[in-house]
Amino acid sequence: MDLTKINLTGFRNFSSNTEIELPKSSLLVAAAPNAVGKTNFLESIAVLLRGKTWRAKIQECTKWGEDGFLVEGDIERQDSDDSRVAIHYHQPSRKLRIEEDGVPASVVSFYAHYPFILFVPEDTFLLSRGPAQRRNFMNHVLVSHPGYVSSLVQYHRALRQRNIALKKARDFNEIANWTEVLAEHAMAVWRHRDSLVSYWNKRVNTVYSSLSGEERPFNVKLAFGVRDRNNYINELNKAFQFERRFGHTVYGPHRDDVVVTTGKRLVTTVLSRGQLKSLIIAFKVLSHRYIYKITNEEPILLLDDALSELDEKRQVALIKNLPNTQTILTCTALPEALRDKKGVYLLDLRSIIQSSTTKKHYNLGAMKRDEEVEEEALDVPKDEEEVSIKLG
């Protein structure tokens, strides 16, 4: 899948009617000083492909003084027709409209249409924060499978109804029907999550070694889930008095977590920050491969400041092991590892943001080193559905 053009109107700090053409199946480097809008650019792509943002509420994407925004893009897909996608947000009414080829699209079905993998600097702490962050990461990967979205939506609907029934139930039999429904959808959600986590576990050692140059045995498992339907119902039965007291279901996919260990110790207690970043990027690369495996569609890869805090050796290894797909990388200055690499394009993002005219991309392989531009770049200051599936 390739995003070939994106048009922005009233989005964040971009000028009105900003149009950017993107090269297909290549590495696009958006190099600019801090506070220019590199993350805003990646955010606009995420909004276009998913209809939501990972950073804040959707209304916060509206440029100051505007009454809404419009993000449009042309998308070429491998096994289906090309699409024209438009995301409209109207600030006064707080309404979001998603269109595909001029036709309104269902939010949930839209999630699965245009896969992408996103890395942002906060992801470095993914394994040291609460389990909700890791569930959101799994959700972000698995929404590319339409069956997963449906199962997750149905599970949360059943969960809400069961929690309501718990407040009035006197014994387990009074909520047996909702427990049966909950178990049915829980099993479907767990099958998808088990498949993804198993895929990570079998391959993460190899990918991490390629990215970091060091050998380390990792074990990845999905914690707290009960994979047998009858056992799950029995666990809920045993927990009934506790659940009735607090009014919520204590077991299920909504409590899942991903646990990563090395040498039987949590990686957060053993690895350095740079090592953790390499490990998270390894999970992102593997997730890209997994989506391609289940959809036969190459996801777009969005990397926000992924090279920072990595030494030159790790930067070279990361660039060498990037998937052969459309990749957009933001950074404050052009890395040495990219200067002689073919098939790399430079996006002059600062000029685009400061002007309403269309800008082109530049092939780095044909560029000569411009000392003045390089010096400037280095001198930088720093509910249609019930379920909200956050971005990774």
Protein backbone atom coordinates (compact mmCIF):
# COMPACT_ATOMS: atom_id res chain seq x y z
CA MET A 1 0.00 0.00 0.00
CA ASP A 2 1.26 3.49 -0.85
CA LEU A 3 0.06 6.97 0.01
CA THR A 4 0.83 8.98 -3.13
CA LYS A 5 -0.67 12.36 -2.21
CA ILE A 6 -2.01 14.10 0.87
CA ASN A 7 -3.88 17.42 1.03
CA LEU A 8 -4.24 19.32 4.32
CA THR A 9 -6.65 22.14 5.08
CA GLY A 10 -6.95 23.62 8.58
CA PHE A 11 -4.88 20.83 10.14
CA ARG A 12 -2.56 21.76 13.02
CA ASN A 13 0.06 24.30 11.82
CA PHE A 14 -0.11 23.55 8.10
CA SER A 15 -0.99 26.27 5.63
CA SER A 16 -4.35 26.13 3.89
CA ASN A 17 -4.62 23.75 0.94
CA THR A 18 -1.20 22.21 1.54
CA GLU A 19 -0.58 19.47 -1.02
CA ILE A 20 2.29 16.99 -0.68
CA GLU A 21 3.18 14.30 -3.18
CA LEU A 22 4.88 11.22 -1.77
CA PRO A 23 7.12 8.70 -3.56
CA LYS A 24 5.91 5.10 -3.65
CA SER A 25 7.64 2.19 -1.86
CA SER A 26 10.57 4.25 -0.67
CA LEU A 27 12.08 5.89 2.38
CA LEU A 28 10.92 9.49 2.83
CA VAL A 29 12.92 11.55 5.33
CA ALA A 30 11.23 14.61 6.82
CA ALA A 31 14.17 16.49 8.36
CA ALA A 32 13.48 19.76 10.17
CA PRO A 33 14.28 21.50 13.47
CA ASN A 34 12.20 20.75 16.53
CA ALA A 35 8.83 22.49 16.88
CA VAL A 36 8.42 22.84 13.11
CA GLY A 37 5.69 20.20 12.78
CA LYS A 38 7.28 16.85 11.93
CA THR A 39 5.03 14.93 14.32
CA ASN A 40 2.03 16.91 13.05
CA PHE A 41 2.81 15.61 9.56
CA LEU A 42 2.86 11.99 10.74
CA GLU A 43 -0.29 12.65 12.73
CA SER A 44 -2.09 13.88 9.59
CA ILE A 45 -1.26 10.57 7.88
CA ALA A 46 -2.49 8.58 10.89
CA VAL A 47 -5.74 10.57 10.90
CA LEU A 48 -6.16 9.95 7.18
CA LEU A 49 -5.62 6.19 7.52
CA ARG A 50 -7.47 5.60 10.79
CA GLY A 51 -9.82 8.52 11.31
CA LYS A 52 -8.30 9.32 14.71
CA THR A 53 -5.10 10.49 16.37
CA TRP A 54 -2.90 8.90 19.02
CA ARG A 55 -1.89 12.25 20.55
CA ALA A 56 -5.02 14.00 21.73
CA LYS A 57 -8.70 14.53 21.04
CA ILE A 58 -9.54 14.85 17.37
CA GLN A 59 -10.79 18.45 17.79
CA GLU A 60 -7.30 19.49 18.87
CA CYS A 61 -6.05 18.82 15.35
CA THR A 62 -7.94 21.89 14.10
CA LYS A 63 -5.71 24.86 13.31
CA TRP A 64 -6.20 27.86 15.55
CA GLY A 65 -8.91 30.13 14.15
CA GLU A 66 -10.39 27.50 11.82
CA ASP A 67 -13.80 25.86 12.24
CA GLY A 68 -12.55 22.40 11.29
CA PHE A 69 -10.08 20.53 9.13
CA LEU A 70 -9.99 18.40 6.00
CA VAL A 71 -7.37 15.70 5.33
CA GLU A 72 -7.53 14.05 1.90
CA GLY A 73 -5.26 11.45 0.34
CA ASP A 74 -4.79 9.17 -2.65
CA ILE A 75 -3.96 5.58 -1.70
CA GLU A 76 -2.76 2.84 -4.01
CA ARG A 77 -3.40 -0.70 -2.81
CA GLN A 78 -1.96 -4.02 -3.90
CA ASP A 79 -5.00 -6.27 -4.21
CA SER A 80 -7.84 -3.77 -4.64
CA ASP A 81 -8.77 -0.55 -6.39
CA ASP A 82 -7.04 2.70 -5.53
CA SER A 83 -8.91 4.94 -3.10
CA ARG A 84 -9.47 8.60 -2.40
CA VAL A 85 -9.94 9.04 1.34
CA ALA A 86 -11.18 12.19 3.06
CA ILE A 87 -11.49 12.94 6.78
CA HIS A 88 -13.71 15.94 7.57
CA TYR A 89 -13.98 17.42 11.04
CA HIS A 90 -16.44 20.24 11.84
CA GLN A 91 -15.49 22.00 15.06
CA PRO A 92 -18.83 23.72 15.94
CA SER A 93 -20.80 20.47 15.71
CA ARG A 94 -17.87 18.24 16.74
CA LYS A 95 -18.73 15.84 13.95
CA LEU A 96 -16.22 13.67 12.12
CA ARG A 97 -17.04 12.30 8.68
CA ILE A 98 -15.00 9.65 6.90
CA GLU A 99 -15.36 9.24 3.14
CA GLU A 100 -13.94 6.69 0.73
CA ASP A 101 -14.25 7.74 -2.92
CA GLY A 102 -16.89 10.27 -1.89
CA VAL A 103 -19.03 7.76 0.02
CA PRO A 104 -19.42 7.89 3.84
CA ALA A 105 -17.60 4.97 5.50
CA SER A 106 -18.36 3.00 8.64
CA VAL A 107 -15.81 3.78 11.35
CA VAL A 108 -15.18 0.18 12.39
CA SER A 109 -14.87 -1.21 8.87
CA PHE A 110 -12.60 1.72 7.97
CA TYR A 111 -10.11 0.66 10.67
CA ALA A 112 -9.18 -2.44 8.67
CA HIS A 113 -8.79 -0.83 5.25
CA TYR A 114 -5.49 1.06 5.44
CA PRO A 115 -2.91 -0.57 7.73
CA PHE A 116 0.08 1.29 9.11
CA ILE A 117 2.63 0.86 11.86
CA LEU A 118 3.60 3.85 13.97
CA PHE A 119 6.61 4.43 16.21
CA VAL A 120 6.76 7.54 18.40
CA PRO A 121 9.38 8.35 21.07
CA GLU A 122 6.94 7.54 23.91
CA ASP A 123 6.84 3.94 22.67
CA THR A 124 10.29 3.46 24.22
CA PHE A 125 8.44 3.18 27.55
CA LEU A 126 5.76 0.82 26.25
CA LEU A 127 6.99 -2.09 28.38
CA SER A 128 7.39 -0.05 31.57
CA ARG A 129 3.94 1.51 31.63
CA GLY A 130 0.56 0.00 32.44
CA PRO A 131 -0.97 -2.97 30.59
CA ALA A 132 -3.52 -0.73 28.84
CA GLN A 133 -0.70 0.63 26.67
CA ARG A 134 0.28 -2.87 25.56
CA ARG A 135 -3.33 -3.87 24.88
CA ASN A 136 -3.65 -0.77 22.71
CA PHE A 137 -0.54 -1.83 20.81
CA MET A 138 -2.06 -5.24 20.11
CA ASN A 139 -5.32 -3.60 19.07
CA HIS A 140 -3.54 -1.25 16.69
CA VAL A 141 -1.90 -4.20 14.92
CA LEU A 142 -4.92 -6.50 14.93
CA VAL A 143 -7.53 -4.01 13.70
CA SER A 144 -6.18 -4.77 10.23
CA HIS A 145 -8.08 -8.05 10.55
CA PRO A 146 -11.83 -7.33 10.15
CA GLY A 147 -12.76 -10.35 12.27
CA TYR A 148 -10.82 -8.97 15.21
CA VAL A 149 -12.56 -5.60 15.18
CA SER A 150 -15.97 -7.26 15.17
CA SER A 151 -15.03 -9.63 18.02
CA LEU A 152 -13.58 -6.82 20.12
CA VAL A 153 -16.64 -4.62 19.65
CA GLN A 154 -19.00 -7.48 20.54
CA TYR A 155 -16.89 -8.43 23.56
CA HIS A 156 -17.01 -4.92 25.01
CA ARG A 157 -20.75 -4.69 24.41
CA ALA A 158 -21.27 -7.96 26.28
CA LEU A 159 -18.87 -6.81 29.01
CA ARG A 160 -20.86 -3.63 29.57
CA GLN A 161 -24.15 -5.51 29.78
CA ARG A 162 -22.69 -8.12 32.13
CA ASN A 163 -21.33 -5.40 34.42
CA ILE A 164 -24.77 -3.80 34.56
CA ALA A 165 -26.36 -7.17 35.37
CA LEU A 166 -23.75 -7.84 38.09
CA LYS A 167 -25.04 -4.93 40.15
CA LYS A 168 -28.46 -6.59 40.50
CA ALA A 169 -27.60 -10.32 40.43
CA ARG A 170 -28.06 -12.41 43.56
CA ASP A 171 -26.33 -15.51 42.20
CA PHE A 172 -24.23 -16.54 39.21
CA ASN A 173 -27.16 -18.09 37.34
CA GLU A 174 -28.82 -14.69 36.96
CA ILE A 175 -25.95 -13.50 34.76
CA ALA A 176 -25.32 -16.87 33.05
CA ASN A 177 -26.62 -15.70 29.68
CA TRP A 178 -24.35 -12.66 29.55
CA THR A 179 -21.45 -14.79 30.78
CA GLU A 180 -21.98 -17.20 27.86
CA VAL A 181 -22.04 -14.34 25.35
CA LEU A 182 -18.96 -12.77 26.95
CA ALA A 183 -17.06 -16.07 26.80
CA GLU A 184 -17.91 -16.57 23.12
CA HIS A 185 -16.44 -13.23 22.09
CA ALA A 186 -13.54 -13.46 24.56
CA MET A 187 -12.36 -16.67 22.90
CA ALA A 188 -12.40 -14.97 19.49
CA VAL A 189 -10.38 -12.00 20.78
CA TRP A 190 -7.87 -14.31 22.49
CA ARG A 191 -7.35 -16.38 19.35
CA HIS A 192 -6.22 -13.28 17.47
CA ARG A 193 -4.04 -12.02 20.31
CA ASP A 194 -2.46 -15.45 20.88
CA SER A 195 -1.57 -15.63 17.20
CA LEU A 196 0.12 -12.21 17.26
CA VAL A 197 2.02 -12.77 20.52
CA SER A 198 3.18 -16.22 19.34
CA TYR A 199 4.45 -14.62 16.13
CA TRP A 200 6.38 -12.02 18.15
CA ASN A 201 7.82 -14.64 20.49
CA LYS A 202 9.19 -16.87 17.72
CA ARG A 203 10.95 -14.06 15.84
CA VAL A 204 11.84 -11.24 18.21
CA ASN A 205 15.30 -12.62 19.09
CA THR A 206 16.39 -12.64 15.44
CA VAL A 207 15.05 -9.18 14.63
CA TYR A 208 16.46 -7.64 17.81
CA SER A 209 19.86 -9.12 17.02
CA SER A 210 19.74 -7.61 13.54
CA LEU A 211 18.84 -4.18 14.89
CA SER A 212 21.20 -4.08 17.86
CA GLY A 213 24.08 -6.39 16.99
CA GLU A 214 23.73 -8.25 20.29
CA GLU A 215 22.30 -11.68 21.09
CA ARG A 216 19.66 -11.84 23.80
CA PRO A 217 17.00 -14.46 24.51
CA PHE A 218 13.54 -12.93 24.91
CA ASN A 219 10.32 -14.59 25.94
CA VAL A 220 7.01 -12.93 25.04
CA LYS A 221 3.72 -14.16 26.43
CA LEU A 222 0.13 -13.02 26.76
CA ALA A 223 -0.63 -12.90 30.48
CA PHE A 224 -3.82 -13.28 32.49
CA GLY A 225 -5.95 -14.84 29.76
CA VAL A 226 -7.83 -18.15 30.10
CA ARG A 227 -7.86 -19.83 26.72
CA ASP A 228 -10.45 -22.56 27.33
CA ARG A 229 -14.09 -21.46 27.23
CA ASN A 230 -15.30 -23.71 30.06
CA ASN A 231 -12.34 -22.80 32.24
CA TYR A 232 -13.04 -19.13 31.63
CA ILE A 233 -16.66 -19.48 32.70
CA ASN A 234 -15.55 -21.44 35.79
CA GLU A 235 -13.11 -18.66 36.71
CA LEU A 236 -15.90 -16.10 36.44
CA ASN A 237 -18.13 -18.33 38.57
CA LYS A 238 -15.50 -18.55 41.33
CA ALA A 239 -15.04 -14.78 41.23
CA PHE A 240 -18.78 -13.99 41.35
CA GLN A 241 -18.91 -12.71 44.93
CA PHE A 242 -15.94 -10.44 44.36
CA GLU A 243 -17.38 -9.19 41.04
CA ARG A 244 -20.80 -8.60 42.58
CA ARG A 245 -19.23 -6.59 45.36
CA PHE A 246 -17.31 -4.28 43.04
CA GLY A 247 -19.74 -4.37 40.10
CA HIS A 248 -17.36 -5.28 37.29
CA THR A 249 -15.95 -8.34 35.52
CA VAL A 250 -12.46 -9.18 36.75
CA TYR A 251 -11.30 -11.64 34.07
CA GLY A 252 -11.19 -11.28 30.32
CA PRO A 253 -9.39 -9.67 27.37
CA HIS A 254 -9.96 -6.24 28.91
CA ARG A 255 -7.38 -7.23 31.56
CA ASP A 256 -4.80 -8.77 29.21
CA ASP A 257 -1.13 -7.86 29.30
CA VAL A 258 1.97 -8.65 27.26
CA VAL A 259 4.94 -9.71 29.41
CA VAL A 260 8.45 -9.66 27.95
CA THR A 261 11.33 -11.24 29.85
CA THR A 262 14.98 -12.04 29.26
CA GLY A 263 16.76 -14.55 31.46
CA LYS A 264 13.50 -14.89 33.46
CA ARG A 265 13.63 -11.21 34.39
CA LEU A 266 11.43 -8.40 33.10
CA VAL A 267 13.25 -6.55 30.33
CA THR A 268 12.49 -3.22 32.02
CA THR A 269 14.75 -4.25 34.93
CA VAL A 270 17.63 -5.41 32.73
CA LEU A 271 17.84 -3.40 29.50
CA SER A 272 19.12 0.12 29.00
CA ARG A 273 16.96 2.79 27.38
CA GLY A 274 18.71 2.32 24.04
CA GLN A 275 18.21 -1.45 24.23
CA LEU A 276 14.53 -1.01 25.07
CA LYS A 277 14.12 1.28 22.09
CA SER A 278 15.72 -1.30 19.80
CA LEU A 279 13.43 -3.96 21.26
CA ILE A 280 10.29 -1.88 20.70
CA ILE A 281 11.35 -1.13 17.12
CA ALA A 282 11.86 -4.88 16.66
CA PHE A 283 8.23 -5.40 17.74
CA LYS A 284 7.14 -2.71 15.29
CA VAL A 285 9.03 -4.36 12.42
CA LEU A 286 7.54 -7.74 13.33
CA SER A 287 4.06 -6.21 13.51
CA HIS A 288 4.54 -4.85 10.00
CA ARG A 289 5.39 -8.37 8.81
CA TYR A 290 2.43 -9.84 10.69
CA ILE A 291 -0.04 -7.45 9.08
CA TYR A 292 1.34 -8.29 5.66
CA LYS A 293 1.00 -11.99 6.51
CA ILE A 294 -2.68 -11.77 7.45
CA THR A 295 -3.80 -9.15 4.90
CA ASN A 296 -1.37 -9.45 1.97
CA GLU A 297 -1.14 -5.65 2.14
CA GLU A 298 2.11 -3.81 2.92
CA PRO A 299 1.41 -1.37 5.78
CA ILE A 300 2.89 2.12 5.67
CA LEU A 301 5.62 2.58 8.29
CA LEU A 302 5.68 5.87 10.23
CA LEU A 303 8.77 6.50 12.37
CA ASP A 304 8.89 9.64 14.48
CA ASP A 305 12.43 10.43 15.64
CA ALA A 306 13.29 6.72 15.69
CA LEU A 307 17.04 7.28 15.22
CA SER A 308 17.56 9.50 18.25
CA GLU A 309 19.32 7.91 21.25
CA LEU A 310 20.70 5.20 18.95
CA ASP A 311 24.42 5.10 18.28
CA GLU A 312 25.64 5.14 14.68
CA LYS A 313 25.92 1.34 14.55
CA ARG A 314 22.30 0.88 15.61
CA GLN A 315 21.14 3.60 13.23
CA VAL A 316 22.80 1.82 10.31
CA ALA A 317 21.32 -1.52 11.42
CA LEU A 318 17.81 -0.04 11.71
CA ILE A 319 17.95 1.55 8.27
CA LYS A 320 19.32 -1.67 6.79
CA ASN A 321 16.50 -3.74 8.29
CA LEU A 322 13.59 -1.46 7.44
CA PRO A 323 10.83 -3.29 5.53
CA ASN A 324 10.70 -2.76 1.79
CA THR A 325 7.62 -0.58 2.00
CA GLN A 326 6.71 3.09 2.02
CA THR A 327 8.39 4.47 5.13
CA ILE A 328 8.29 8.01 6.49
CA LEU A 329 11.02 8.93 8.97
CA THR A 330 11.24 12.22 10.84
CA CYS A 331 14.49 13.59 12.28
CA THR A 332 16.13 16.92 13.10
CA ALA A 333 19.06 16.43 10.74
CA LEU A 334 19.91 14.05 7.92
CA PRO A 335 21.71 11.01 9.39
CA GLU A 336 25.07 10.04 7.94
CA ALA A 337 23.75 6.52 7.38
CA LEU A 338 21.29 7.86 4.78
CA ARG A 339 23.53 10.17 2.78
CA ASP A 340 24.66 7.60 0.21
CA LYS A 341 21.65 5.29 0.32
CA LYS A 342 19.63 4.95 -2.87
CA GLY A 343 15.86 5.22 -3.02
CA VAL A 344 15.74 7.81 -0.23
CA TYR A 345 13.84 11.09 -0.58
CA LEU A 346 14.06 14.28 1.43
CA LEU A 347 10.93 16.24 2.30
CA ASP A 348 11.51 19.94 3.00
CA LEU A 349 8.83 20.04 5.65
CA ARG A 350 9.73 23.45 7.05
CA SER A 351 9.26 25.13 3.67
CA ILE A 352 5.97 23.30 3.13
CA ILE A 353 4.57 24.46 6.47
CA GLN A 354 5.68 28.04 5.91
CA SER A 355 4.20 28.24 2.41
CA SER A 356 0.86 27.38 0.81
CA THR A 357 2.51 26.28 -2.43
CA THR A 358 3.03 22.65 -3.38
CA LYS A 359 6.49 21.25 -2.61
CA LYS A 360 8.30 18.39 -4.24
CA HIS A 361 10.39 15.58 -2.80
CA TYR A 362 14.08 15.29 -3.56
CA ASN A 363 16.14 12.21 -4.33
CA LEU A 364 19.03 12.17 -1.88
CA GLY A 365 21.11 10.01 -4.19
CA ALA A 366 21.32 12.91 -6.62
CA MET A 367 21.93 15.62 -4.01
CA LYS A 368 25.28 17.22 -3.29
CA ARG A 369 26.16 18.04 0.27
CA ASP A 370 25.02 21.59 1.02
CA GLU A 371 27.09 22.81 3.95
CA GLU A 372 24.91 25.86 4.58
CA VAL A 373 21.66 23.89 4.72
CA GLU A 374 23.26 21.17 6.83
CA GLU A 375 24.66 23.67 9.32
CA GLU A 376 21.22 25.27 9.70
CA ALA A 377 19.55 21.88 10.22
CA LEU A 378 22.02 20.92 12.95
CA ASP A 379 21.56 24.19 14.87
CA VAL A 380 18.12 23.38 16.27
CA PRO A 381 16.18 24.56 19.30
CA LYS A 382 14.72 22.13 20.83
CA ASP A 383 -20.45 6.36 18.96
CA GLU A 384 -20.98 4.48 16.05
CA GLU A 385 -19.32 1.73 18.04
CA GLU A 386 -18.71 1.23 21.73
CA VAL A 387 -15.01 0.58 21.57
CA SER A 388 -12.28 3.21 21.27
CA ILE A 389 -9.23 1.57 19.75
CA LYS A 390 -6.25 3.77 20.46
CA LEU A 391 -3.19 4.09 18.26
CA GLY A 392 -0.03 2.33 19.27
